[in-house]
Structure formats: C-alpha cells, structure tokens
Amino acid sequence: MAVTNAASLTISEMREFASFTASEQRYIRRSLDIGLGRQDAFKLWARSADECAAIRSQYVVYQDLKLLRTRVPCETAFEGVESFIGKLTRVAAFDLGQERIDCFSAFRFLYERLLGAEARPWLPSAFCAASALPQIRPERRKMLLQSLSEAAATAPAWSNRAPSFYPEYIEREAA
C-alpha cells in the first residue's frame, strides 16, 4: 500500500509540473541543476550570452541555498526568522525577477526541491515579500500576488513529505 501511495504522489507531482508553462518548466529544471549541483548549467542551458550571464548570476545567488537548507526555523518560534526569510526573499526575488516563474505553484514546486519539505510553511511569505519588491515590475507584481490562493496563504499546516519527482533535462532525441 505504501508503494501505491508513493507512486500516486509522484504522479501527482508530475502532473503539477506538466501544468506549468514551457518557460516555467525549463527554468525549474535549470534552477534545480544549478541549486542541487546536478549538471553544468552552462553546457546544458546556455543558448546565448545573455543566458550565460543569467546562469552565472544564478550560481552566485544560489550560494545562499546551502545555508538556508540548514537554517529553516521552527514554524512556531521566532528565532532565526529574520535571517532565514531575509535571505530566502533575496533568492526568491532573483528568481521572480528573471520573469520565468509566473505563479506561486511553480515557485513552491521549485523551492520545495531546492530547500526541502521543511521550508514549505515559509514559502508563501517569501513569495509575497519577493513579489512585492520594487524590483518586480508593477504589472508582474500584481500577476504574481494574485496567483497565491487564499488556501495557500492561510494554510493551517503543510505536509512534511519530501518531494519525490525532480524534473531533469531530456535530450530531444531521447524524448
């Protein structure tokens, strides 16, 4: 029975990923390669000098992920909140500023994998904070903030189950 539940959760995660735009899917896969150190993102994802520069910047910004993974605060205490949410907001603002993530669902999907299930309760706050920053264009800010559902913003609890599906780059010939 546990195998069946795990398989259905994985399929659910695959369906969620398939619901994202092609741009969001590409950015999530690239970000996971950079954030988890899976692949050389320059070789795999850079199609232009601009993308090379964006990938280089993303490698630098994502250095904070190592620290964030070890410093996820307890969701009922205030110790460590400032340093965690501040750094997370900065990293999230970078990703949202790239204009490839268009909704909270795609953001949550990415960050659950970059930081782990323990970070889930903090993701709506970081998303709202990053989306509301002046570095995000006003019309995009509105679109991003409207994508956060009331249910996600006010969730009384979040699952602590680790994600099981981590999308990867697939060669066109292999696909």
N, C-alpha and C. Protein backbone atom coordinates (compact mmCIF):
# COMPACT_ATOMS: atom_id res chain seq x y z
N MET A 1 0.82 -1.19 0.00
CA MET A 1 0.00 0.00 0.00
C MET A 1 0.86 1.26 0.00
N ALA A 2 1.97 1.24 0.75
CA ALA A 2 2.86 2.41 0.80
C ALA A 2 3.46 2.70 -0.56
N VAL A 3 3.77 1.65 -1.32
CA VAL A 3 4.33 1.82 -2.65
C VAL A 3 3.30 2.49 -3.57
N THR A 4 2.05 2.08 -3.44
CA THR A 4 0.97 2.67 -4.25
C THR A 4 0.80 4.15 -3.92
N ASN A 5 0.81 4.49 -2.64
CA ASN A 5 0.69 5.89 -2.23
C ASN A 5 1.85 6.73 -2.75
N ALA A 6 3.07 6.20 -2.63
CA ALA A 6 4.25 6.92 -3.11
C ALA A 6 4.18 7.12 -4.61
N ALA A 7 3.74 6.10 -5.34
CA ALA A 7 3.63 6.21 -6.79
C ALA A 7 2.57 7.24 -7.18
N SER A 8 1.45 7.26 -6.49
CA SER A 8 0.40 8.22 -6.84
C SER A 8 0.83 9.65 -6.50
N LEU A 9 1.61 9.83 -5.43
CA LEU A 9 2.13 11.16 -5.10
C LEU A 9 3.12 11.63 -6.16
N THR A 10 3.96 10.72 -6.62
CA THR A 10 4.92 11.06 -7.67
C THR A 10 4.19 11.45 -8.95
N ILE A 11 3.16 10.69 -9.30
CA ILE A 11 2.37 11.01 -10.49
C ILE A 11 1.68 12.37 -10.32
N SER A 12 1.20 12.64 -9.14
CA SER A 12 0.58 13.94 -8.86
C SER A 12 1.59 15.08 -9.05
N GLU A 13 2.82 14.88 -8.59
CA GLU A 13 3.87 15.89 -8.77
C GLU A 13 4.20 16.06 -10.24
N MET A 14 4.22 14.95 -10.99
CA MET A 14 4.49 15.03 -12.44
C MET A 14 3.38 15.80 -13.16
N ARG A 15 2.14 15.55 -12.77
CA ARG A 15 1.02 16.28 -13.36
C ARG A 15 1.12 17.78 -13.05
N GLU A 16 1.47 18.09 -11.82
CA GLU A 16 1.60 19.50 -11.47
C GLU A 16 2.68 20.16 -12.32
N PHE A 17 3.81 19.51 -12.47
CA PHE A 17 4.90 20.05 -13.29
C PHE A 17 4.43 20.22 -14.74
N ALA A 18 3.69 19.26 -15.26
CA ALA A 18 3.19 19.34 -16.63
C ALA A 18 2.21 20.50 -16.81
N SER A 19 1.59 20.97 -15.74
CA SER A 19 0.64 22.08 -15.83
C SER A 19 1.32 23.44 -15.96
N PHE A 20 2.62 23.50 -15.70
CA PHE A 20 3.34 24.77 -15.80
C PHE A 20 3.64 25.07 -17.27
N THR A 21 3.89 26.35 -17.55
CA THR A 21 4.24 26.75 -18.92
C THR A 21 5.59 26.15 -19.29
N ALA A 22 5.88 26.10 -20.57
CA ALA A 22 7.17 25.57 -21.05
C ALA A 22 8.33 26.38 -20.47
N SER A 23 8.14 27.69 -20.37
CA SER A 23 9.17 28.56 -19.81
C SER A 23 9.41 28.24 -18.33
N GLU A 24 8.32 28.04 -17.58
CA GLU A 24 8.46 27.68 -16.17
C GLU A 24 9.14 26.33 -16.02
N GLN A 25 8.76 25.36 -16.83
CA GLN A 25 9.37 24.03 -16.76
C GLN A 25 10.87 24.11 -17.03
N ARG A 26 11.23 24.84 -18.06
CA ARG A 26 12.66 24.98 -18.41
C ARG A 26 13.42 25.65 -17.27
N TYR A 27 12.86 26.73 -16.71
CA TYR A 27 13.53 27.45 -15.63
C TYR A 27 13.65 26.58 -14.38
N ILE A 28 12.62 25.82 -14.06
CA ILE A 28 12.68 24.94 -12.90
C ILE A 28 13.78 23.89 -13.08
N ARG A 29 13.84 23.26 -14.23
CA ARG A 29 14.88 22.24 -14.47
C ARG A 29 16.27 22.86 -14.39
N ARG A 30 16.44 24.01 -15.02
CA ARG A 30 17.74 24.70 -14.97
C ARG A 30 18.10 25.07 -13.54
N SER A 31 17.13 25.59 -12.80
CA SER A 31 17.37 26.02 -11.42
C SER A 31 17.73 24.83 -10.53
N LEU A 32 17.09 23.70 -10.75
CA LEU A 32 17.43 22.51 -9.97
C LEU A 32 18.84 22.03 -10.31
N ASP A 33 19.22 22.11 -11.58
CA ASP A 33 20.60 21.74 -11.95
C ASP A 33 21.61 22.63 -11.24
N ILE A 34 21.32 23.92 -11.17
CA ILE A 34 22.22 24.86 -10.51
C ILE A 34 22.16 24.70 -8.99
N GLY A 35 20.97 24.72 -8.43
CA GLY A 35 20.80 24.70 -6.97
C GLY A 35 21.18 23.40 -6.31
N LEU A 36 21.03 22.29 -7.02
CA LEU A 36 21.37 20.98 -6.45
C LEU A 36 22.69 20.44 -6.99
N GLY A 37 23.34 21.22 -7.86
CA GLY A 37 24.63 20.80 -8.40
C GLY A 37 24.54 19.54 -9.25
N ARG A 38 23.44 19.38 -10.00
CA ARG A 38 23.24 18.15 -10.77
C ARG A 38 24.00 18.14 -12.08
N GLN A 39 24.06 19.26 -12.77
CA GLN A 39 24.65 19.34 -14.11
C GLN A 39 25.41 20.65 -14.25
N ASP A 40 26.22 20.74 -15.29
CA ASP A 40 26.86 22.00 -15.65
C ASP A 40 25.83 22.81 -16.44
N ALA A 41 25.24 23.78 -15.79
CA ALA A 41 24.15 24.54 -16.40
C ALA A 41 24.59 25.32 -17.62
N PHE A 42 25.85 25.74 -17.66
CA PHE A 42 26.33 26.48 -18.83
C PHE A 42 26.25 25.61 -20.07
N LYS A 43 26.74 24.38 -19.98
CA LYS A 43 26.73 23.46 -21.12
C LYS A 43 25.32 23.08 -21.53
N LEU A 44 24.48 22.88 -20.55
CA LEU A 44 23.15 22.34 -20.80
C LEU A 44 22.13 23.40 -21.19
N TRP A 45 22.17 24.57 -20.57
CA TRP A 45 21.08 25.52 -20.70
C TRP A 45 21.41 26.82 -21.43
N ALA A 46 22.66 27.20 -21.54
CA ALA A 46 23.00 28.50 -22.12
C ALA A 46 22.85 28.47 -23.64
N ARG A 47 21.94 29.29 -24.14
CA ARG A 47 21.72 29.39 -25.59
C ARG A 47 22.25 30.70 -26.15
N SER A 48 22.62 31.62 -25.26
CA SER A 48 23.10 32.93 -25.70
C SER A 48 24.00 33.52 -24.62
N ALA A 49 24.65 34.63 -24.97
CA ALA A 49 25.50 35.32 -23.99
C ALA A 49 24.66 35.83 -22.81
N ASP A 50 23.43 36.27 -23.10
CA ASP A 50 22.55 36.74 -22.02
C ASP A 50 22.21 35.61 -21.06
N GLU A 51 21.93 34.43 -21.60
CA GLU A 51 21.62 33.29 -20.72
C GLU A 51 22.85 32.87 -19.93
N CYS A 52 24.03 32.96 -20.53
CA CYS A 52 25.27 32.67 -19.79
C CYS A 52 25.40 33.60 -18.59
N ALA A 53 25.15 34.87 -18.82
CA ALA A 53 25.24 35.85 -17.74
C ALA A 53 24.19 35.58 -16.65
N ALA A 54 22.98 35.22 -17.07
CA ALA A 54 21.91 34.91 -16.10
C ALA A 54 22.27 33.67 -15.28
N ILE A 55 22.82 32.68 -15.92
CA ILE A 55 23.22 31.45 -15.22
C ILE A 55 24.34 31.75 -14.24
N ARG A 56 25.30 32.55 -14.66
CA ARG A 56 26.40 32.93 -13.76
C ARG A 56 25.85 33.65 -12.53
N SER A 57 24.94 34.58 -12.74
CA SER A 57 24.31 35.29 -11.61
C SER A 57 23.54 34.34 -10.72
N GLN A 58 22.85 33.39 -11.33
CA GLN A 58 22.06 32.43 -10.55
C GLN A 58 22.98 31.56 -9.70
N TYR A 59 24.11 31.14 -10.22
CA TYR A 59 25.07 30.37 -9.42
C TYR A 59 25.50 31.17 -8.19
N VAL A 60 25.74 32.46 -8.36
CA VAL A 60 26.18 33.31 -7.25
C VAL A 60 25.06 33.46 -6.22
N VAL A 61 23.85 33.79 -6.67
CA VAL A 61 22.72 33.98 -5.76
C VAL A 61 22.40 32.68 -5.03
N TYR A 62 22.47 31.56 -5.72
CA TYR A 62 22.11 30.27 -5.14
C TYR A 62 23.12 29.76 -4.10
N GLN A 63 24.22 30.45 -3.91
CA GLN A 63 25.15 30.07 -2.85
C GLN A 63 24.47 30.13 -1.49
N ASP A 64 23.49 31.01 -1.34
CA ASP A 64 22.75 31.13 -0.08
C ASP A 64 21.90 29.90 0.22
N LEU A 65 21.58 29.10 -0.78
CA LEU A 65 20.74 27.92 -0.56
C LEU A 65 21.38 26.94 0.42
N LYS A 66 22.69 26.81 0.37
CA LYS A 66 23.38 25.88 1.29
C LYS A 66 23.10 26.25 2.74
N LEU A 67 23.20 27.52 3.05
CA LEU A 67 22.93 28.00 4.40
C LEU A 67 21.44 27.89 4.73
N LEU A 68 20.60 28.26 3.80
CA LEU A 68 19.15 28.22 4.04
C LEU A 68 18.67 26.81 4.37
N ARG A 69 19.22 25.81 3.71
CA ARG A 69 18.81 24.42 3.96
C ARG A 69 19.06 24.01 5.41
N THR A 70 20.09 24.57 6.00
CA THR A 70 20.44 24.18 7.37
C THR A 70 19.81 25.08 8.42
N ARG A 71 19.17 26.16 8.01
CA ARG A 71 18.65 27.14 8.96
C ARG A 71 17.15 27.36 8.88
N VAL A 72 16.40 26.39 8.42
CA VAL A 72 14.94 26.54 8.35
C VAL A 72 14.43 26.64 9.78
N PRO A 73 13.81 27.77 10.14
CA PRO A 73 13.34 27.93 11.52
C PRO A 73 12.13 27.05 11.83
N CYS A 74 11.93 26.82 13.10
CA CYS A 74 10.72 26.13 13.56
C CYS A 74 9.55 27.04 13.25
N GLU A 75 8.47 26.49 12.72
CA GLU A 75 7.36 27.34 12.30
C GLU A 75 6.57 27.94 13.45
N THR A 76 6.84 27.53 14.69
CA THR A 76 6.12 28.10 15.84
C THR A 76 6.97 29.04 16.67
N ALA A 77 8.23 29.23 16.29
CA ALA A 77 9.13 30.11 17.05
C ALA A 77 9.57 31.28 16.17
N PHE A 78 10.10 32.31 16.80
CA PHE A 78 10.57 33.46 16.05
C PHE A 78 12.08 33.52 15.91
N GLU A 79 12.79 32.62 16.58
CA GLU A 79 14.25 32.61 16.48
C GLU A 79 14.66 32.21 15.07
N GLY A 80 15.54 32.99 14.48
CA GLY A 80 16.07 32.68 13.16
C GLY A 80 15.20 33.12 11.99
N VAL A 81 14.02 33.66 12.27
CA VAL A 81 13.11 34.04 11.19
C VAL A 81 13.72 35.14 10.33
N GLU A 82 14.26 36.17 10.97
CA GLU A 82 14.77 37.32 10.22
C GLU A 82 15.86 36.93 9.23
N SER A 83 16.85 36.19 9.70
CA SER A 83 17.95 35.82 8.79
C SER A 83 17.48 34.85 7.72
N PHE A 84 16.57 33.94 8.06
CA PHE A 84 16.09 32.97 7.07
C PHE A 84 15.22 33.65 6.02
N ILE A 85 14.20 34.36 6.45
CA ILE A 85 13.24 34.93 5.50
C ILE A 85 13.90 36.05 4.69
N GLY A 86 14.85 36.76 5.27
CA GLY A 86 15.57 37.80 4.53
C GLY A 86 16.37 37.21 3.37
N LYS A 87 17.16 36.19 3.66
CA LYS A 87 17.96 35.54 2.60
C LYS A 87 17.06 34.85 1.58
N LEU A 88 16.02 34.17 2.07
CA LEU A 88 15.11 33.48 1.16
C LEU A 88 14.40 34.48 0.24
N THR A 89 14.01 35.62 0.77
CA THR A 89 13.35 36.64 -0.03
C THR A 89 14.29 37.15 -1.11
N ARG A 90 15.56 37.34 -0.77
CA ARG A 90 16.53 37.82 -1.76
C ARG A 90 16.70 36.81 -2.89
N VAL A 91 16.81 35.53 -2.56
CA VAL A 91 16.96 34.50 -3.59
C VAL A 91 15.68 34.41 -4.42
N ALA A 92 14.53 34.44 -3.75
CA ALA A 92 13.25 34.37 -4.45
C ALA A 92 13.06 35.58 -5.37
N ALA A 93 13.48 36.75 -4.93
CA ALA A 93 13.36 37.96 -5.76
C ALA A 93 14.20 37.82 -7.02
N PHE A 94 15.36 37.21 -6.88
CA PHE A 94 16.18 36.96 -8.08
C PHE A 94 15.40 36.10 -9.06
N ASP A 95 14.86 34.97 -8.58
CA ASP A 95 14.14 34.06 -9.47
C ASP A 95 12.91 34.73 -10.09
N LEU A 96 12.13 35.44 -9.29
CA LEU A 96 10.95 36.11 -9.83
C LEU A 96 11.33 37.23 -10.78
N GLY A 97 12.46 37.87 -10.53
CA GLY A 97 12.95 38.93 -11.39
C GLY A 97 13.40 38.44 -12.76
N GLN A 98 13.66 37.16 -12.89
CA GLN A 98 14.04 36.58 -14.18
C GLN A 98 12.83 36.45 -15.10
N GLU A 99 11.64 36.61 -14.53
CA GLU A 99 10.37 36.60 -15.26
C GLU A 99 10.11 35.28 -15.99
N ARG A 100 10.51 34.20 -15.35
CA ARG A 100 10.24 32.87 -15.91
C ARG A 100 9.29 32.07 -15.03
N ILE A 101 9.13 32.51 -13.80
CA ILE A 101 8.17 31.90 -12.87
C ILE A 101 6.97 32.83 -12.81
N ASP A 102 5.79 32.30 -13.19
CA ASP A 102 4.61 33.15 -13.31
C ASP A 102 3.56 32.95 -12.23
N CYS A 103 3.78 32.02 -11.31
CA CYS A 103 2.75 31.77 -10.31
C CYS A 103 3.36 31.14 -9.06
N PHE A 104 2.58 31.20 -7.97
CA PHE A 104 3.05 30.64 -6.71
C PHE A 104 3.26 29.13 -6.82
N SER A 105 2.42 28.43 -7.55
CA SER A 105 2.55 26.97 -7.65
C SER A 105 3.91 26.57 -8.22
N ALA A 106 4.35 27.25 -9.27
CA ALA A 106 5.65 26.94 -9.86
C ALA A 106 6.78 27.31 -8.88
N PHE A 107 6.63 28.43 -8.21
CA PHE A 107 7.60 28.86 -7.20
C PHE A 107 7.72 27.82 -6.09
N ARG A 108 6.56 27.42 -5.55
CA ARG A 108 6.55 26.42 -4.48
C ARG A 108 7.16 25.11 -4.94
N PHE A 109 6.80 24.67 -6.14
CA PHE A 109 7.34 23.43 -6.70
C PHE A 109 8.87 23.48 -6.72
N LEU A 110 9.43 24.59 -7.22
CA LEU A 110 10.88 24.75 -7.29
C LEU A 110 11.51 24.77 -5.90
N TYR A 111 10.99 25.60 -5.01
CA TYR A 111 11.63 25.78 -3.71
C TYR A 111 11.46 24.60 -2.76
N GLU A 112 10.41 23.82 -2.93
CA GLU A 112 10.29 22.59 -2.15
C GLU A 112 11.46 21.66 -2.47
N ARG A 113 11.90 21.68 -3.70
CA ARG A 113 13.00 20.83 -4.12
C ARG A 113 14.36 21.44 -3.79
N LEU A 114 14.46 22.75 -3.89
CA LEU A 114 15.73 23.40 -3.56
C LEU A 114 16.03 23.37 -2.07
N LEU A 115 14.99 23.52 -1.23
CA LEU A 115 15.20 23.65 0.22
C LEU A 115 14.70 22.48 1.04
N GLY A 116 13.78 21.70 0.51
CA GLY A 116 13.23 20.58 1.26
C GLY A 116 11.85 20.90 1.81
N ALA A 117 11.18 19.85 2.24
CA ALA A 117 9.80 19.97 2.73
C ALA A 117 9.68 20.87 3.95
N GLU A 118 10.72 20.96 4.77
CA GLU A 118 10.66 21.77 5.99
C GLU A 118 10.44 23.25 5.69
N ALA A 119 10.80 23.67 4.48
CA ALA A 119 10.67 25.09 4.12
C ALA A 119 9.27 25.46 3.64
N ARG A 120 8.40 24.48 3.41
CA ARG A 120 7.06 24.76 2.86
C ARG A 120 6.29 25.85 3.59
N PRO A 121 6.24 25.85 4.93
CA PRO A 121 5.45 26.88 5.61
C PRO A 121 5.95 28.31 5.36
N TRP A 122 7.20 28.44 4.98
CA TRP A 122 7.81 29.76 4.79
C TRP A 122 7.67 30.27 3.35
N LEU A 123 7.29 29.41 2.44
CA LEU A 123 7.27 29.80 1.03
C LEU A 123 6.23 30.86 0.67
N PRO A 124 5.01 30.82 1.22
CA PRO A 124 4.07 31.92 0.90
C PRO A 124 4.60 33.29 1.34
N SER A 125 5.22 33.36 2.51
CA SER A 125 5.76 34.64 2.99
C SER A 125 6.88 35.14 2.10
N ALA A 126 7.79 34.25 1.75
CA ALA A 126 8.91 34.65 0.89
C ALA A 126 8.41 35.07 -0.49
N PHE A 127 7.43 34.33 -1.01
CA PHE A 127 6.87 34.65 -2.32
C PHE A 127 6.21 36.03 -2.30
N CYS A 128 5.40 36.29 -1.29
CA CYS A 128 4.73 37.59 -1.18
C CYS A 128 5.75 38.72 -1.03
N ALA A 129 6.72 38.51 -0.17
CA ALA A 129 7.74 39.54 0.06
C ALA A 129 8.52 39.83 -1.22
N ALA A 130 8.96 38.78 -1.90
CA ALA A 130 9.74 38.97 -3.12
C ALA A 130 8.89 39.58 -4.23
N SER A 131 7.65 39.12 -4.34
CA SER A 131 6.75 39.64 -5.39
C SER A 131 6.44 41.11 -5.20
N ALA A 132 6.42 41.57 -3.97
CA ALA A 132 6.04 42.95 -3.67
C ALA A 132 7.22 43.92 -3.73
N LEU A 133 8.41 43.44 -3.98
CA LEU A 133 9.58 44.32 -4.03
C LEU A 133 9.53 45.24 -5.25
N PRO A 134 10.09 46.44 -5.15
CA PRO A 134 10.05 47.38 -6.27
C PRO A 134 10.86 46.90 -7.49
N GLN A 135 11.73 45.91 -7.31
CA GLN A 135 12.49 45.38 -8.44
C GLN A 135 11.61 44.60 -9.41
N ILE A 136 10.43 44.21 -8.97
CA ILE A 136 9.48 43.48 -9.81
C ILE A 136 8.54 44.50 -10.44
N ARG A 137 8.41 44.43 -11.77
CA ARG A 137 7.55 45.38 -12.48
C ARG A 137 6.13 45.34 -11.92
N PRO A 138 5.45 46.49 -11.82
CA PRO A 138 4.12 46.55 -11.20
C PRO A 138 3.10 45.56 -11.77
N GLU A 139 3.03 45.43 -13.10
CA GLU A 139 2.04 44.52 -13.68
C GLU A 139 2.38 43.06 -13.36
N ARG A 140 3.66 42.75 -13.28
CA ARG A 140 4.09 41.40 -12.90
C ARG A 140 3.83 41.16 -11.42
N ARG A 141 4.09 42.18 -10.63
CA ARG A 141 3.83 42.11 -9.19
C ARG A 141 2.37 41.73 -8.94
N LYS A 142 1.48 42.40 -9.64
CA LYS A 142 0.05 42.11 -9.49
C LYS A 142 -0.26 40.67 -9.90
N MET A 143 0.26 40.22 -11.03
CA MET A 143 0.01 38.87 -11.51
C MET A 143 0.53 37.83 -10.51
N LEU A 144 1.74 38.04 -10.01
CA LEU A 144 2.33 37.09 -9.06
C LEU A 144 1.52 37.02 -7.77
N LEU A 145 1.21 38.17 -7.20
CA LEU A 145 0.48 38.19 -5.94
C LEU A 145 -0.92 37.60 -6.09
N GLN A 146 -1.56 37.79 -7.22
CA GLN A 146 -2.89 37.22 -7.44
C GLN A 146 -2.83 35.70 -7.63
N SER A 147 -1.66 35.17 -7.94
CA SER A 147 -1.54 33.72 -8.15
C SER A 147 -1.50 32.94 -6.84
N LEU A 148 -1.29 33.63 -5.73
CA LEU A 148 -1.25 32.97 -4.43
C LEU A 148 -2.69 32.83 -3.92
N SER A 149 -3.15 31.61 -3.86
CA SER A 149 -4.53 31.37 -3.43
C SER A 149 -4.68 31.64 -1.94
N GLU A 150 -5.90 31.91 -1.55
CA GLU A 150 -6.19 32.12 -0.13
C GLU A 150 -5.84 30.87 0.67
N ALA A 151 -6.12 29.70 0.09
CA ALA A 151 -5.83 28.43 0.78
C ALA A 151 -4.34 28.28 1.05
N ALA A 152 -3.50 28.64 0.08
CA ALA A 152 -2.06 28.53 0.28
C ALA A 152 -1.56 29.58 1.27
N ALA A 153 -2.13 30.77 1.20
CA ALA A 153 -1.69 31.86 2.08
C ALA A 153 -2.08 31.62 3.53
N THR A 154 -3.19 30.90 3.75
CA THR A 154 -3.69 30.71 5.12
C THR A 154 -3.65 29.26 5.58
N ALA A 155 -2.89 28.44 4.92
CA ALA A 155 -2.85 27.01 5.26
C ALA A 155 -2.50 26.80 6.73
N PRO A 156 -3.31 26.02 7.45
CA PRO A 156 -3.03 25.79 8.87
C PRO A 156 -1.84 24.85 9.08
N ALA A 157 -1.53 24.04 8.08
CA ALA A 157 -0.41 23.10 8.18
C ALA A 157 0.04 22.72 6.78
N TRP A 158 1.29 22.31 6.70
CA TRP A 158 1.87 21.88 5.42
C TRP A 158 2.41 20.47 5.58
N SER A 159 2.38 19.74 4.51
CA SER A 159 2.93 18.38 4.53
C SER A 159 4.43 18.43 4.76
N ASN A 160 4.93 17.47 5.50
CA ASN A 160 6.38 17.38 5.69
C ASN A 160 6.98 16.26 4.84
N ARG A 161 6.19 15.75 3.89
CA ARG A 161 6.65 14.72 2.98
C ARG A 161 7.60 15.32 1.95
N ALA A 162 8.73 14.71 1.79
CA ALA A 162 9.72 15.20 0.84
C ALA A 162 9.22 15.01 -0.59
N PRO A 163 9.54 15.94 -1.47
CA PRO A 163 9.17 15.77 -2.87
C PRO A 163 9.84 14.51 -3.44
N SER A 164 9.18 13.87 -4.39
CA SER A 164 9.77 12.66 -4.97
C SER A 164 10.10 12.81 -6.44
N PHE A 165 9.53 13.79 -7.10
CA PHE A 165 9.78 13.99 -8.53
C PHE A 165 10.65 15.23 -8.72
N TYR A 166 11.82 15.02 -9.32
CA TYR A 166 12.76 16.09 -9.61
C TYR A 166 12.98 16.11 -11.13
N PRO A 167 12.30 17.01 -11.85
CA PRO A 167 12.41 17.00 -13.31
C PRO A 167 13.83 17.29 -13.78
N GLU A 168 14.21 16.64 -14.85
CA GLU A 168 15.56 16.79 -15.41
C GLU A 168 15.48 17.12 -16.90
N TYR A 169 16.62 17.56 -17.41
CA TYR A 169 16.76 17.84 -18.84
C TYR A 169 16.72 16.52 -19.60
N ILE A 170 15.99 16.54 -20.71
CA ILE A 170 15.94 15.35 -21.57
C ILE A 170 16.30 15.79 -22.98
N GLU A 171 17.24 15.09 -23.59
CA GLU A 171 17.62 15.38 -24.97
C GLU A 171 16.42 15.16 -25.88
N ARG A 172 16.29 15.97 -26.91
CA ARG A 172 15.17 15.83 -27.84
C ARG A 172 15.10 14.44 -28.45
N GLU A 173 16.26 13.88 -28.79
CA GLU A 173 16.29 12.55 -29.41
C GLU A 173 15.79 11.49 -28.45
N ALA A 174 16.14 11.63 -27.17
CA ALA A 174 15.72 10.66 -26.16
C ALA A 174 14.22 10.78 -25.89
N ALA A 175 13.71 12.00 -25.97
CA ALA A 175 12.29 12.21 -25.69
C ALA A 175 11.46 11.60 -26.80
